[in-house]
Amino acid sequence: MAISSDDAAKLAEWSADEEIPFALASDTTLRSIAGWGVREEDESRAVPAVFVVDRDGTIRFAQIGESVTDRVEVEDLLKALDSR
């Protein structure tokens, strides 16, 4: 699942265009984004962040970017998923 500050219509269009294979949730109020601690200070958006959460709610991997260009490396994410 991914959470974005974009509205639901924009996410639905993007998901269809890019054939996104997972759910996209809209958080235009930024409540969940702020709750996860990934809201950009003084901004109406989130910094890039990835959390891997297992079924019992334990966070197994977390990467919170410093800016909108700071993204998780695919290799790091795959390594985190493989170590599970």
Protein backbone atom coordinates (compact mmCIF):
# COMPACT_ATOMS: atom_id res chain seq x y z
CA MET A 1 0.00 0.00 0.00
CA ALA A 2 1.13 3.55 -0.66
CA ILE A 3 -0.19 6.72 0.94
CA SER A 4 -0.01 10.03 -0.90
CA SER A 5 -1.14 13.58 -0.29
CA ASP A 6 -2.57 13.60 -3.83
CA ASP A 7 -6.34 13.38 -4.22
CA ALA A 8 -8.03 10.06 -4.96
CA ALA A 9 -8.88 10.91 -8.59
CA LYS A 10 -5.25 11.74 -9.41
CA LEU A 11 -4.07 8.54 -7.71
CA ALA A 12 -6.64 6.43 -9.58
CA GLU A 13 -5.51 7.90 -12.90
CA TRP A 14 -1.82 7.40 -12.07
CA SER A 15 -2.46 3.85 -10.87
CA ALA A 16 -4.27 2.95 -14.09
CA ASP A 17 -1.69 4.63 -16.34
CA GLU A 18 1.28 2.99 -14.61
CA GLU A 19 -0.50 -0.32 -13.81
CA ILE A 20 0.36 -0.02 -10.10
CA PRO A 21 -0.12 -3.50 -8.56
CA PHE A 22 -0.91 -2.31 -5.03
CA ALA A 23 -3.42 -0.04 -3.30
CA LEU A 24 -2.93 3.72 -3.28
CA ALA A 25 -4.57 5.70 -0.47
CA SER A 26 -5.23 9.42 -0.56
CA ASP A 27 -4.40 11.47 2.53
CA THR A 28 -5.17 15.06 1.53
CA THR A 29 -5.55 16.02 5.21
CA LEU A 30 -2.00 14.73 5.93
CA ARG A 31 -3.16 13.02 9.13
CA SER A 32 -1.64 9.62 8.46
CA ILE A 33 1.40 11.18 6.79
CA ALA A 34 2.02 13.24 9.93
CA GLY A 35 1.32 10.20 12.12
CA TRP A 36 4.08 8.25 10.38
CA GLY A 37 6.42 11.23 10.85
CA VAL A 38 6.99 11.83 7.16
CA ARG A 39 5.33 15.20 6.56
CA GLU A 40 7.71 17.76 5.11
CA GLU A 41 8.07 20.62 7.55
CA ASP A 42 5.91 23.57 6.48
CA GLU A 43 4.71 21.67 3.40
CA SER A 44 1.53 19.98 2.27
CA ARG A 45 3.23 16.77 1.22
CA ALA A 46 5.26 13.86 2.53
CA VAL A 47 8.95 13.17 2.12
CA PRO A 48 9.61 9.88 0.36
CA ALA A 49 9.42 7.07 2.89
CA VAL A 50 9.13 3.30 2.87
CA PHE A 51 8.02 1.13 5.76
CA VAL A 52 7.82 -2.64 5.73
CA VAL A 53 5.34 -3.70 8.39
CA ASP A 54 4.68 -7.34 9.16
CA ARG A 55 1.29 -8.83 9.99
CA ASP A 56 1.66 -8.26 13.74
CA GLY A 57 2.40 -4.57 13.16
CA THR A 58 6.16 -4.69 13.72
CA ILE A 59 8.12 -2.31 11.50
CA ARG A 60 10.79 -4.48 9.85
CA PHE A 61 12.30 -1.77 7.65
CA ALA A 62 12.06 2.01 7.55
CA GLN A 63 13.64 4.57 5.26
CA ILE A 64 12.59 8.20 5.62
CA GLY A 65 14.05 10.55 3.04
CA GLU A 66 15.66 13.87 3.87
CA SER A 67 14.02 15.51 0.84
CA VAL A 68 11.76 14.67 -2.10
CA THR A 69 14.77 13.35 -4.02
CA ASP A 70 16.02 11.06 -1.24
CA ARG A 71 14.51 7.70 -2.12
CA VAL A 72 15.11 4.16 -0.91
CA GLU A 73 17.46 2.08 -3.02
CA VAL A 74 15.69 -0.91 -4.54
CA GLU A 75 18.51 -3.20 -3.44
CA ASP A 76 18.10 -2.10 0.20
CA LEU A 77 14.37 -2.71 0.09
CA LEU A 78 14.75 -6.13 -1.51
CA LYS A 79 17.39 -7.07 1.05
CA ALA A 80 15.00 -6.08 3.86
CA LEU A 81 12.22 -8.15 2.33
CA ASP A 82 14.49 -11.15 1.78
CA SER A 83 15.71 -11.09 5.39
CA ARG A 84 12.17 -11.71 6.61
